[in-house]
């Protein structure tokens, strides 16, 4: 490569990558203390050599227990400098006030008022915010009291002491996201640098070459270019106040090691992730859902005629007039083609794609022969419970009554059938229809394996039958199952929180983008919004007496841990 061409390539690479990558880093604006940066663990970025996963060490930060109340306090404190300015002496301009704050004066000194007066003003505002959160169910009464106490201590210190500018950093580690993003997207990033095709690089690497060999560059040269862009993004995070300079330097070293390992590995392949697995489940389900229609097209028969024959007990081969082998070959080819497209466009690893093909082939052959999976599929108890969690609320809606009316009738010793005034068949049918819809959605989203759908549906129907016949039904929640089901809905909750399309979000995650980057949201805000939503849901159940205070606290901690693990 000539020097001129190399220089042009470097400039274009920097421009293209700068536009793509930096959206991964983020945080609350304003003064914040790191929320979980006290201890350090060893994390790994996985690279694969012909099916053997090797781990590249990347140090990171463990997550101390974090709650929504903690983040609410931090978010409120992130605005304390701006909020204090509203109570400043009118003769003090905002620029002069800020200059005083960041030169080391206390907030009260900078504002030109007494510490006591500023404390009272700030706490009045913060108490109002916390009370609103409690009223809306986002905080329990106890959590609200704890939040006010934490705010009181922090405000007391802030109004009288100097303001630490380093405390304005994000509550999360932006550097971790950037390293993860650069390593996960290393093939398309390399393609951008050489102005080549990601597909071509993937095919060459899958055939046994290293990424460096596939690009025609030395491992040192390719690594240096990829490391330089990571370094630039980490530096930008420091300039934006999202990362400390010393932490950025540590991340540069960790990222460089991971990049050098990846570019030198023959047959490099990304390690599977929970998101990649879920994306594959959804893809296979979608392809299988269209298999019967495709079989009708291949046999030149009306789809309705094929469905009618299947309902009467015919196999797919009998319904279409095609042989088992013809159907297996043609339907399998269609699904395999769709799966191959996922790893060629970077949505999966090629090892994961091969596993999906095997699973799809097995499912296609069962479909053709009209067979069910071997053994008795186990119901997903957590999904079954989730589909029936709102039985009282849904029953009230179907009957045109308020939740409180139904709860009062149940407390008086009535059954749901008696309290709604509906027939047992009417209420059972309505509730089972709602549960069926929920379970079908879980299959489509990849949360529930298709083979377990019918068993899960039967489990849900059994729960509903028992519920509507129970005198004084209270709807007690199995906290462990509920916690599992709640955690499984994080993707849906994220899509709702940021207004994103769930399928597009999952595809981005499968491609290797961190959840916050895929959602186009900074990590801190995403954690805040998801914990807030989960807190409200759990608090509602506890307020209704459907779980204990201890169970509620444990669920919140477990959900937060699951969320932080997925965001790590």
Protein backbone atom coordinates (compact mmCIF):
# COMPACT_ATOMS: atom_id res chain seq x y z
CA UNK A 1 0.00 0.00 0.00
CA UNK A 2 1.46 3.38 -0.93
CA UNK A 3 1.89 6.08 1.74
CA UNK A 4 -0.63 8.33 -0.05
CA UNK A 5 -3.25 5.58 -0.22
CA UNK A 6 -2.58 4.64 3.40
CA UNK A 7 -3.06 8.25 4.53
CA UNK A 8 -6.32 8.59 2.58
CA UNK A 9 -7.57 5.30 4.00
CA UNK A 10 -6.77 6.39 7.55
CA UNK A 11 -8.65 9.68 7.14
CA UNK A 12 -11.72 8.03 5.63
CA UNK A 13 -11.65 5.35 8.34
CA UNK A 14 -11.57 7.96 11.09
CA UNK A 15 -14.50 9.88 9.57
CA UNK A 16 -16.66 6.81 9.01
CA UNK A 17 -15.91 5.22 12.37
CA UNK A 18 -16.36 8.46 14.26
CA UNK A 19 -19.90 8.69 12.91
CA UNK A 20 -20.74 5.11 13.87
CA UNK A 21 -19.14 4.33 17.19
CA UNK A 22 -19.40 7.08 19.74
CA UNK A 23 -23.14 6.76 20.34
CA UNK A 24 -22.30 3.94 22.76
CA UNK A 25 -21.01 6.25 25.46
CA UNK A 26 -23.28 8.38 27.62
CA UNK A 27 -24.50 9.42 31.03
CA UNK A 28 -26.55 11.84 33.07
CA UNK A 29 -25.58 15.44 32.47
CA UNK A 30 -24.19 17.26 35.46
CA UNK A 31 -22.58 16.33 38.75
CA UNK A 32 -22.72 12.63 39.56
CA UNK A 33 -20.74 10.18 41.63
CA UNK A 34 -20.02 6.80 40.02
CA UNK A 35 -22.84 4.50 41.05
CA UNK A 36 -20.98 1.23 41.05
CA UNK A 37 -17.29 1.81 40.64
CA UNK A 38 -15.88 0.61 43.93
CA UNK A 39 -14.47 -2.79 43.08
CA UNK A 40 -12.83 -4.29 40.03
CA UNK A 41 -13.31 -7.69 38.45
CA UNK A 42 -11.89 -9.41 35.39
CA UNK A 43 -14.20 -9.45 32.40
CA UNK A 44 -13.61 -11.22 29.12
CA UNK A 45 -14.04 -10.62 25.44
CA UNK A 46 -14.36 -13.98 23.69
CA UNK A 47 -12.66 -14.90 20.46
CA UNK A 48 -13.01 -18.25 18.76
CA UNK A 49 -10.55 -20.41 16.88
CA UNK A 50 -12.32 -23.18 14.98
CA UNK A 51 -14.95 -23.63 17.64
CA UNK A 52 -12.71 -23.14 20.67
CA UNK A 53 -13.63 -20.05 22.64
CA UNK A 54 -10.68 -18.24 24.15
CA UNK A 55 -11.08 -15.47 26.66
CA UNK A 56 -9.24 -12.17 26.38
CA UNK A 57 -9.03 -10.53 29.79
CA UNK A 58 -10.60 -7.09 30.14
CA UNK A 59 -10.79 -5.61 33.61
CA UNK A 60 -14.02 -3.91 34.57
CA UNK A 61 -16.13 -2.76 37.45
CA UNK A 62 -18.47 -4.92 39.45
CA UNK A 63 -21.91 -3.66 40.23
CA UNK A 64 -22.52 -2.89 43.87
CA UNK A 65 -26.19 -3.33 44.73
CA UNK A 66 -28.02 -0.44 43.11
CA UNK A 67 -31.65 0.56 43.47
CA UNK A 68 -33.99 2.93 41.71
CA UNK A 69 -33.98 5.09 44.85
CA UNK A 70 -30.17 5.37 44.57
CA UNK A 71 -30.39 6.50 40.97
CA UNK A 72 -33.22 8.94 41.72
CA UNK A 73 -31.03 10.56 44.38
CA UNK A 74 -28.09 10.73 41.98
CA UNK A 75 -30.22 12.17 39.21
CA UNK A 76 -31.57 14.87 41.50
CA UNK A 77 -28.08 15.71 42.73
CA UNK A 78 -26.89 15.89 39.12
CA UNK A 79 -29.04 19.01 38.81
CA UNK A 80 -28.04 20.63 42.11
CA UNK A 81 -25.73 23.27 40.62
CA UNK A 82 -28.38 24.46 38.17
CA UNK A 83 -31.16 24.22 40.76
CA UNK A 84 -29.15 26.19 43.32
CA UNK A 85 -28.69 29.00 40.82
CA UNK A 86 -32.46 29.56 40.87
CA UNK A 87 -32.18 30.59 44.53
CA UNK A 88 -29.08 32.76 44.12
CA UNK A 89 -28.87 36.46 44.90
CA UNK A 90 -30.44 38.24 41.88
CA UNK A 91 -27.38 40.47 41.62
CA UNK A 92 -25.15 37.47 40.88
CA UNK A 93 -25.13 36.49 37.20
CA UNK A 94 -25.24 32.83 36.16
CA UNK A 95 -21.76 32.88 34.60
CA UNK A 96 -20.27 34.41 37.72
CA UNK A 97 -22.11 31.87 39.85
CA UNK A 98 -20.75 28.93 37.83
CA UNK A 99 -17.24 30.34 37.88
CA UNK A 100 -17.42 30.54 41.68
CA UNK A 101 -18.73 26.98 41.99
CA UNK A 102 -16.02 25.45 39.83
CA UNK A 103 -13.29 27.55 41.41
CA UNK A 104 -13.96 25.76 44.70
CA UNK A 105 -16.56 27.83 46.51
CA UNK A 106 -19.53 26.19 48.19
CA UNK A 107 -22.90 26.41 46.50
CA UNK A 108 -24.15 28.79 49.18
CA UNK A 109 -21.13 31.10 48.78
CA UNK A 110 -21.48 31.07 45.00
CA UNK A 111 -25.21 31.82 45.28
CA UNK A 112 -24.69 34.60 47.79
CA UNK A 113 -27.14 33.21 50.37
CA UNK A 114 -26.80 31.41 53.69
CA UNK A 115 -26.22 27.64 53.72
CA UNK A 116 -29.36 27.16 55.81
CA UNK A 117 -31.59 29.05 53.39
CA UNK A 118 -30.18 27.23 50.37
CA UNK A 119 -30.54 23.87 52.12
CA UNK A 120 -34.20 24.60 52.93
CA UNK A 121 -34.98 25.65 49.35
CA UNK A 122 -33.28 22.65 47.78
CA UNK A 123 -34.82 20.13 50.17
CA UNK A 124 -38.30 21.57 49.64
CA UNK A 125 -37.88 20.93 45.90
CA UNK A 126 -36.39 17.46 46.39
CA UNK A 127 -39.08 16.41 48.88
CA UNK A 128 -41.74 17.38 46.38
CA UNK A 129 -40.07 15.23 43.72
CA UNK A 130 -39.77 12.22 46.04
CA UNK A 131 -43.38 12.56 47.22
CA UNK A 132 -44.54 12.50 43.60
CA UNK A 133 -42.53 9.32 42.97
CA UNK A 134 -44.08 7.66 46.02
CA UNK A 135 -47.59 8.71 44.97
CA UNK A 136 -47.04 7.22 41.49
CA UNK A 137 -45.78 3.93 42.96
CA UNK A 138 -42.21 4.25 41.69
CA UNK A 139 -40.97 4.32 45.28
CA UNK A 140 -42.41 2.64 48.33
CA UNK A 141 -42.95 4.79 51.41
CA UNK A 142 -39.82 3.36 53.01
CA UNK A 143 -37.76 3.98 49.87
CA UNK A 144 -39.06 7.53 49.76
CA UNK A 145 -37.94 8.17 53.33
CA UNK A 146 -34.51 6.73 52.56
CA UNK A 147 -34.20 8.89 49.44
CA UNK A 148 -35.04 12.06 51.39
CA UNK A 149 -32.48 11.13 54.07
CA UNK A 150 -29.78 10.53 51.43
CA UNK A 151 -30.61 13.81 49.70
CA UNK A 152 -30.53 15.67 52.99
CA UNK A 153 -27.01 14.45 53.77
CA UNK A 154 -25.73 15.21 50.28
CA UNK A 155 -27.34 18.65 50.10
CA UNK A 156 -26.02 19.59 53.53
CA UNK A 157 -22.49 18.80 52.39
CA UNK A 158 -22.89 20.45 48.98
CA UNK A 159 -24.21 23.82 50.17
CA UNK A 160 -21.35 24.26 52.63
CA UNK A 161 -18.40 22.50 50.96
CA UNK A 162 -16.52 22.99 47.71
CA UNK A 163 -17.84 21.23 44.62
CA UNK A 164 -15.77 18.35 43.24
CA UNK A 165 -15.69 18.67 39.45
CA UNK A 166 -14.63 15.03 39.08
CA UNK A 167 -17.97 14.04 40.59
CA UNK A 168 -19.72 15.21 37.43
CA UNK A 169 -18.80 11.98 35.70
CA UNK A 170 -21.35 9.46 34.50
CA UNK A 171 -22.72 6.86 36.92
CA UNK A 172 -21.49 4.14 34.57
CA UNK A 173 -18.27 3.31 32.75
CA UNK A 174 -18.47 4.63 29.21
CA UNK A 175 -15.11 3.04 28.47
CA UNK A 176 -16.44 -0.47 28.98
CA UNK A 177 -19.14 0.08 26.36
CA UNK A 178 -16.64 1.47 23.88
CA UNK A 179 -14.25 -1.46 24.25
CA UNK A 180 -17.13 -3.91 23.91
CA UNK A 181 -18.45 -2.15 20.83
CA UNK A 182 -15.08 -2.00 19.07
CA UNK A 183 -14.32 -5.68 19.73
CA UNK A 184 -17.79 -6.93 18.82
CA UNK A 185 -17.80 -4.90 15.60
CA UNK A 186 -14.21 -5.63 14.65
CA UNK A 187 -14.99 -7.25 11.27
CA UNK A 188 -17.18 -4.44 9.89
CA UNK A 189 -14.74 -1.90 11.35
CA UNK A 190 -11.89 -3.59 9.51
CA UNK A 191 -13.97 -3.57 6.33
CA UNK A 192 -14.53 0.18 6.71
CA UNK A 193 -10.79 0.72 7.09
CA UNK A 194 -9.83 -1.17 3.93
CA UNK A 195 -12.94 0.13 2.12
CA UNK A 196 -13.91 -3.46 1.47
CA UNK A 197 -16.81 -5.82 2.09
CA UNK A 198 -17.74 -7.21 5.51
CA UNK A 199 -19.21 -10.23 3.74
CA UNK A 200 -15.95 -10.96 1.96
CA UNK A 201 -13.98 -10.70 5.18
CA UNK A 202 -16.42 -12.96 7.03
CA UNK A 203 -16.25 -15.61 4.32
CA UNK A 204 -12.43 -15.52 4.29
CA UNK A 205 -12.22 -15.73 8.07
CA UNK A 206 -14.80 -18.54 8.21
CA UNK A 207 -12.61 -20.42 5.70
CA UNK A 208 -9.73 -20.31 8.18
CA UNK A 209 -7.87 -17.05 7.65
CA UNK A 210 -7.16 -14.53 10.39
CA UNK A 211 -8.80 -11.14 10.05
CA UNK A 212 -5.43 -9.58 9.31
CA UNK A 213 -4.81 -12.09 6.50
CA UNK A 214 -8.29 -11.49 5.10
CA UNK A 215 -7.64 -7.74 4.88
CA UNK A 216 -4.20 -8.22 3.30
CA UNK A 217 -2.58 -6.30 6.16
CA UNK A 218 -0.16 -7.34 8.84
CA UNK A 219 -1.63 -8.03 12.27
CA UNK A 220 0.37 -5.09 13.66
CA UNK A 221 -0.84 -2.69 11.00
CA UNK A 222 -4.53 -3.63 11.26
CA UNK A 223 -4.42 -3.67 15.06
CA UNK A 224 -2.82 -0.24 15.16
CA UNK A 225 -5.56 1.28 13.02
CA UNK A 226 -8.39 -0.31 14.99
CA UNK A 227 -6.74 0.63 18.28
CA UNK A 228 -6.30 4.23 17.16
CA UNK A 229 -10.03 4.65 16.62
CA UNK A 230 -10.83 3.11 20.02
CA UNK A 231 -8.28 5.42 21.59
CA UNK A 232 -9.88 8.45 19.89
CA UNK A 233 -13.33 7.49 21.15
CA UNK A 234 -12.06 6.96 24.69
CA UNK A 235 -10.38 10.37 24.59
CA UNK A 236 -13.66 11.91 23.44
CA UNK A 237 -15.43 10.28 26.39
CA UNK A 238 -12.92 11.95 28.70
CA UNK A 239 -13.45 15.36 27.06
CA UNK A 240 -17.22 14.88 27.40
CA UNK A 241 -16.93 14.22 31.13
CA UNK A 242 -18.05 10.60 30.80
CA UNK A 243 -14.78 8.93 31.72
CA UNK A 244 -11.76 9.73 33.87
CA UNK A 245 -8.46 10.08 32.06
CA UNK A 246 -6.80 7.32 34.10
CA UNK A 247 -9.71 4.97 33.41
CA UNK A 248 -9.49 5.73 29.70
CA UNK A 249 -5.81 4.78 29.66
CA UNK A 250 -6.59 1.46 31.34
CA UNK A 251 -9.38 0.79 28.82
CA UNK A 252 -7.01 1.57 25.94
CA UNK A 253 -4.62 -1.13 27.14
CA UNK A 254 -7.41 -3.65 27.66
CA UNK A 255 -9.00 -2.87 24.30
CA UNK A 256 -5.66 -3.07 22.49
CA UNK A 257 -5.03 -6.54 23.89
CA UNK A 258 -8.49 -7.74 22.86
CA UNK A 259 -8.17 -6.25 19.36
CA UNK A 260 -4.71 -7.75 18.76
CA UNK A 261 -5.95 -11.16 19.87
CA UNK A 262 -8.99 -10.96 17.58
CA UNK A 263 -7.19 -9.84 14.41
CA UNK A 264 -4.58 -12.61 14.77
CA UNK A 265 -6.96 -15.48 15.46
CA UNK A 266 -7.48 -17.89 12.53
CA UNK A 267 -11.17 -18.55 11.84
CA UNK A 268 -12.12 -15.77 14.25
CA UNK A 269 -15.76 -15.87 15.26
CA UNK A 270 -17.76 -13.84 17.72
CA UNK A 271 -18.91 -15.65 20.83
CA UNK A 272 -22.65 -16.23 21.16
CA UNK A 273 -24.58 -13.92 23.45
CA UNK A 274 -28.01 -14.12 25.04
CA UNK A 275 -29.20 -11.60 22.45
CA UNK A 276 -27.77 -13.59 19.55
CA UNK A 277 -29.49 -16.73 20.82
CA UNK A 278 -32.79 -14.90 21.14
CA UNK A 279 -32.42 -13.40 17.68
CA UNK A 280 -31.87 -16.91 16.29
CA UNK A 281 -34.92 -18.29 18.11
CA UNK A 282 -37.05 -15.53 16.64
CA UNK A 283 -35.65 -16.04 13.15
CA UNK A 284 -36.31 -19.80 13.19
CA UNK A 285 -39.84 -19.31 14.55
CA UNK A 286 -40.60 -16.74 11.86
CA UNK A 287 -39.32 -19.04 9.13
CA UNK A 288 -41.26 -22.04 10.48
CA UNK A 289 -44.44 -19.96 10.68
CA UNK A 290 -44.25 -19.41 6.93
CA UNK A 291 -43.22 -23.00 6.06
CA UNK A 292 -46.77 -24.29 5.49
CA UNK A 293 -47.58 -21.35 3.23
CA UNK A 294 -44.34 -21.89 1.28
CA UNK A 295 -45.18 -25.61 0.96
CA UNK A 296 -48.53 -24.66 -0.55
CA UNK A 297 -46.78 -22.42 -3.08
CA UNK A 298 -44.28 -25.14 -3.97
CA UNK A 299 -47.11 -27.62 -4.55
CA UNK A 300 -49.27 -25.10 -6.47
CA UNK A 301 -52.12 -25.65 -4.02
CA UNK A 302 -54.29 -23.11 -2.27
CA UNK A 303 -53.01 -22.39 1.20
CA UNK A 304 -56.53 -22.75 2.63
CA UNK A 305 -56.81 -26.26 1.16
CA UNK A 306 -53.49 -27.25 2.71
CA UNK A 307 -54.56 -25.92 6.12
CA UNK A 308 -57.88 -27.75 5.91
CA UNK A 309 -56.09 -31.02 5.13
CA UNK A 310 -53.71 -30.50 8.04
CA UNK A 311 -56.62 -29.83 10.40
CA UNK A 312 -58.18 -33.12 9.28
CA UNK A 313 -55.04 -35.00 10.30
CA UNK A 314 -53.02 -35.15 7.09
CA UNK A 315 -49.27 -34.71 7.17
CA UNK A 316 -47.77 -31.78 5.26
CA UNK A 317 -46.54 -34.22 2.59
CA UNK A 318 -50.05 -35.64 2.21
CA UNK A 319 -51.63 -32.18 2.18
CA UNK A 320 -49.33 -30.88 -0.56
CA UNK A 321 -48.76 -34.05 -2.60
CA UNK A 322 -44.99 -33.55 -2.34
CA UNK A 323 -42.65 -36.17 -0.94
CA UNK A 324 -41.01 -35.82 2.44
CA UNK A 325 -37.61 -35.45 0.79
CA UNK A 326 -38.83 -32.75 -1.62
CA UNK A 327 -40.36 -30.74 1.21
CA UNK A 328 -37.33 -31.20 3.45
CA UNK A 329 -34.94 -30.08 0.74
CA UNK A 330 -36.90 -27.06 -0.47
CA UNK A 331 -38.20 -25.79 2.85
CA UNK A 332 -34.83 -26.43 4.49
CA UNK A 333 -33.01 -24.58 1.72
CA UNK A 334 -35.21 -21.52 2.25
CA UNK A 335 -34.53 -21.42 5.99
CA UNK A 336 -30.82 -22.12 5.59
CA UNK A 337 -30.55 -19.27 3.13
CA UNK A 338 -32.22 -16.89 5.58
CA UNK A 339 -29.91 -18.03 8.38
CA UNK A 340 -26.77 -17.71 6.24
CA UNK A 341 -27.76 -14.13 5.54
CA UNK A 342 -27.62 -13.36 9.27
CA UNK A 343 -23.96 -14.18 9.74
CA UNK A 344 -22.96 -12.67 6.41
CA UNK A 345 -24.55 -9.36 7.41
CA UNK A 346 -23.01 -9.54 10.90
CA UNK A 347 -26.17 -10.39 12.86
CA UNK A 348 -24.74 -13.63 14.22
CA UNK A 349 -21.62 -15.72 14.45
CA UNK A 350 -21.24 -18.47 11.88
CA UNK A 351 -21.12 -21.08 14.64
CA UNK A 352 -24.48 -19.85 15.95
CA UNK A 353 -25.86 -19.92 12.40
CA UNK A 354 -24.85 -23.56 12.03
CA UNK A 355 -26.62 -24.42 15.28
CA UNK A 356 -29.78 -22.64 14.11
CA UNK A 357 -29.69 -24.55 10.83
CA UNK A 358 -29.55 -27.87 12.66
CA UNK A 359 -32.44 -26.85 14.88
CA UNK A 360 -34.47 -25.62 11.90
CA UNK A 361 -33.83 -28.83 9.93
CA UNK A 362 -35.05 -30.89 12.86
CA UNK A 363 -38.17 -28.75 13.24
CA UNK A 364 -38.92 -28.86 9.50
CA UNK A 365 -38.73 -32.65 9.41
CA UNK A 366 -41.06 -32.89 12.40
CA UNK A 367 -43.47 -30.50 10.71
CA UNK A 368 -43.44 -32.51 7.51
CA UNK A 369 -44.16 -35.75 9.36
CA UNK A 370 -46.66 -34.18 11.74
CA UNK A 371 -44.57 -35.20 14.76
CA UNK A 372 -44.13 -33.48 18.09
CA UNK A 373 -40.70 -33.04 19.72
CA UNK A 374 -39.25 -36.08 21.47
CA UNK A 375 -40.33 -36.43 25.09
CA UNK A 376 -42.89 -34.29 26.87
CA UNK A 377 -42.09 -30.58 26.43
CA UNK A 378 -41.93 -28.80 29.77
CA UNK A 379 -44.08 -25.74 30.34
CA UNK A 380 -42.26 -22.50 31.11
CA UNK A 381 -43.78 -21.84 34.53
CA UNK A 382 -42.55 -18.24 34.61
CA UNK A 383 -44.15 -17.38 31.26
CA UNK A 384 -47.36 -19.17 32.28
CA UNK A 385 -47.46 -17.12 35.47
CA UNK A 386 -46.73 -13.92 33.55
CA UNK A 387 -49.67 -14.57 31.23
CA UNK A 388 -52.02 -14.79 34.24
CA UNK A 389 -50.50 -12.13 36.49
CA UNK A 390 -53.28 -9.58 35.90
CA UNK A 391 -56.29 -11.91 36.28
CA UNK A 392 -58.18 -9.59 38.65
CA UNK A 393 -57.53 -6.47 36.59
CA UNK A 394 -58.44 -8.23 33.33
CA UNK A 395 -61.57 -9.76 34.86
CA UNK A 396 -62.70 -6.32 36.01
CA UNK A 397 -62.11 -4.94 32.54
CA UNK A 398 -64.10 -7.72 30.85
CA UNK A 399 -66.97 -7.22 33.31
CA UNK A 400 -66.99 -3.43 33.02
CA UNK A 401 -66.15 -2.99 36.71
CA UNK A 402 -63.37 -1.21 38.56
CA UNK A 403 -60.45 -3.07 40.10
CA UNK A 404 -61.56 -1.91 43.55
CA UNK A 405 -65.08 -3.22 43.08
CA UNK A 406 -63.75 -6.66 42.25
CA UNK A 407 -61.21 -6.65 45.07
CA UNK A 408 -63.92 -5.74 47.59
CA UNK A 409 -66.18 -8.55 46.35
CA UNK A 410 -63.33 -11.05 46.52
CA UNK A 411 -62.40 -9.90 50.01
CA UNK A 412 -66.03 -10.54 51.00
CA UNK A 413 -65.65 -14.18 49.99
CA UNK A 414 -66.87 -14.27 46.40
CA UNK A 415 -65.22 -16.04 43.47
CA UNK A 416 -64.17 -14.14 40.34
CA UNK A 417 -67.16 -15.62 38.50
CA UNK A 418 -69.52 -14.31 41.18
CA UNK A 419 -67.76 -10.93 41.45
CA UNK A 420 -67.84 -10.26 37.71
CA UNK A 421 -71.41 -11.47 37.11
CA UNK A 422 -70.17 -13.36 34.05
CA UNK A 423 -70.72 -17.04 33.39
CA UNK A 424 -67.79 -19.30 34.08
CA UNK A 425 -67.47 -20.07 30.36
CA UNK A 426 -67.44 -16.36 29.44
CA UNK A 427 -64.82 -15.41 32.00
CA UNK A 428 -62.70 -18.49 31.34
CA UNK A 429 -62.73 -17.88 27.59
CA UNK A 430 -61.80 -14.21 27.90
CA UNK A 431 -58.93 -14.82 30.33
CA UNK A 432 -57.57 -17.79 28.40
CA UNK A 433 -57.63 -15.77 25.19
CA UNK A 434 -55.54 -13.07 26.84
CA UNK A 435 -53.08 -15.63 28.18
CA UNK A 436 -52.81 -17.29 24.75
CA UNK A 437 -51.96 -13.93 23.18
CA UNK A 438 -49.26 -13.28 25.79
CA UNK A 439 -47.72 -16.72 25.29
CA UNK A 440 -47.75 -16.41 21.49
CA UNK A 441 -45.97 -13.09 21.84
CA UNK A 442 -43.35 -14.73 24.06
CA UNK A 443 -42.70 -17.31 21.32
CA UNK A 444 -42.44 -14.66 18.60
CA UNK A 445 -40.05 -12.59 20.69
CA UNK A 446 -37.79 -15.57 21.38
CA UNK A 447 -38.49 -15.60 25.13
CA UNK A 448 -40.24 -18.98 24.90
CA UNK A 449 -39.13 -21.98 22.86
CA UNK A 450 -41.77 -22.94 20.31
CA UNK A 451 -41.68 -26.57 21.48
CA UNK A 452 -42.84 -25.47 24.94
CA UNK A 453 -45.68 -23.27 23.71
CA UNK A 454 -48.53 -25.76 24.02
CA UNK A 455 -47.42 -27.05 27.42
CA UNK A 456 -47.09 -23.46 28.69
CA UNK A 457 -50.54 -22.65 27.34
CA UNK A 458 -52.03 -25.64 29.17
CA UNK A 459 -50.29 -24.59 32.37
CA UNK A 460 -51.71 -21.07 32.05
CA UNK A 461 -55.22 -22.38 31.39
CA UNK A 462 -54.96 -24.55 34.49
CA UNK A 463 -53.94 -21.54 36.59
CA UNK A 464 -56.88 -19.55 35.25
CA UNK A 465 -59.41 -22.30 35.94
CA UNK A 466 -58.18 -22.57 39.52
CA UNK A 467 -58.21 -18.79 39.99
CA UNK A 468 -61.79 -18.13 38.89
CA UNK A 469 -63.10 -20.92 41.12
CA UNK A 470 -61.19 -19.79 44.23
CA UNK A 471 -63.20 -18.02 46.93
CA UNK A 472 -61.54 -14.74 47.87
CA UNK A 473 -58.87 -15.10 45.17
CA UNK A 474 -55.88 -12.92 46.12
CA UNK A 475 -53.50 -13.71 43.28
CA UNK A 476 -50.43 -14.39 45.41
CA UNK A 477 -47.31 -14.22 43.26
CA UNK A 478 -44.50 -16.78 43.27
CA UNK A 479 -41.68 -14.28 43.68
CA UNK A 480 -39.00 -16.46 42.09
CA UNK A 481 -41.03 -17.19 38.95
CA UNK A 482 -42.15 -13.60 38.70
CA UNK A 483 -38.57 -12.38 38.96
CA UNK A 484 -37.52 -14.70 36.14
CA UNK A 485 -40.38 -13.55 33.94
CA UNK A 486 -39.76 -9.88 34.69
CA UNK A 487 -36.08 -10.20 33.74
CA UNK A 488 -37.03 -11.94 30.49
CA UNK A 489 -39.01 -8.84 29.46
CA UNK A 490 -36.04 -6.45 29.51
CA UNK A 491 -35.92 -6.19 25.73
CA UNK A 492 -39.61 -5.30 25.52
CA UNK A 493 -39.23 -2.86 28.42
CA UNK A 494 -36.26 -1.20 26.73
CA UNK A 495 -38.11 -0.85 23.43
CA UNK A 496 -41.06 0.72 25.23
CA UNK A 497 -38.84 3.04 27.30
CA UNK A 498 -37.01 4.50 24.28
CA UNK A 499 -39.78 4.19 21.68
CA UNK A 500 -37.81 1.71 19.57
CA UNK A 501 -38.94 -1.16 17.39
CA UNK A 502 -38.32 -4.34 19.38
CA UNK A 503 -37.24 -6.43 16.38
CA UNK A 504 -34.77 -3.78 15.18
CA UNK A 505 -33.43 -3.43 18.72
CA UNK A 506 -32.84 -7.18 18.98
CA UNK A 507 -31.07 -7.27 15.61
CA UNK A 508 -28.70 -4.50 16.72
CA UNK A 509 -27.97 -6.39 19.92
CA UNK A 510 -27.29 -9.55 17.97
CA UNK A 511 -24.88 -7.60 15.77
CA UNK A 512 -22.82 -6.82 18.87
CA UNK A 513 -23.98 -3.37 19.91
CA UNK A 514 -24.37 -2.81 23.66
CA UNK A 515 -27.99 -2.46 24.78
CA UNK A 516 -27.63 1.25 25.44
CA UNK A 517 -26.09 1.88 22.00
CA UNK A 518 -28.70 -0.28 20.26
CA UNK A 519 -31.43 1.71 22.02
CA UNK A 520 -29.75 5.04 21.14
CA UNK A 521 -29.85 5.90 24.84
CA UNK A 522 -27.07 6.59 27.30
CA UNK A 523 -26.60 3.71 29.71
CA UNK A 524 -27.37 5.73 32.83
CA UNK A 525 -30.74 6.92 31.58
CA UNK A 526 -31.62 3.42 30.39
CA UNK A 527 -30.82 1.87 33.77
CA UNK A 528 -32.79 4.64 35.47
CA UNK A 529 -35.89 4.15 33.31
CA UNK A 530 -35.88 0.34 33.47
CA UNK A 531 -35.40 0.24 37.24
CA UNK A 532 -38.13 2.85 37.63
CA UNK A 533 -40.58 0.76 35.61
CA UNK A 534 -39.70 -2.47 37.43
CA UNK A 535 -39.93 -0.73 40.79
CA UNK A 536 -43.45 0.45 40.05
CA UNK A 537 -44.59 -3.01 38.95
CA UNK A 538 -43.11 -4.69 42.02
CA UNK A 539 -44.44 -2.01 44.38
CA UNK A 540 -47.95 -2.45 42.96
CA UNK A 541 -47.83 -6.18 43.69
CA UNK A 542 -46.53 -5.59 47.20
CA UNK A 543 -49.17 -2.91 47.87
CA UNK A 544 -51.87 -5.39 46.83
CA UNK A 545 -50.50 -7.92 49.30
CA UNK A 546 -49.49 -10.31 46.54
CA UNK A 547 -45.91 -10.50 47.78
CA UNK A 548 -44.14 -9.62 51.02
CA UNK A 549 -41.94 -6.60 51.65
CA UNK A 550 -38.93 -8.92 51.88
CA UNK A 551 -39.77 -10.54 48.54
CA UNK A 552 -40.21 -7.12 46.98
CA UNK A 553 -36.76 -5.97 48.13
CA UNK A 554 -35.12 -9.19 46.93
CA UNK A 555 -36.79 -8.97 43.51
CA UNK A 556 -35.64 -5.39 43.01
CA UNK A 557 -32.07 -6.35 43.84
CA UNK A 558 -32.16 -9.39 41.54
CA UNK A 559 -33.68 -7.41 38.68
CA UNK A 560 -31.03 -4.71 39.06
CA UNK A 561 -28.28 -7.36 39.00
CA UNK A 562 -29.75 -8.96 35.86
CA UNK A 563 -30.02 -5.58 34.17
CA UNK A 564 -26.45 -4.59 34.99
CA UNK A 565 -25.19 -7.96 33.77
CA UNK A 566 -26.91 -7.49 30.42
CA UNK A 567 -25.58 -3.96 30.15
CA UNK A 568 -22.03 -4.96 31.11
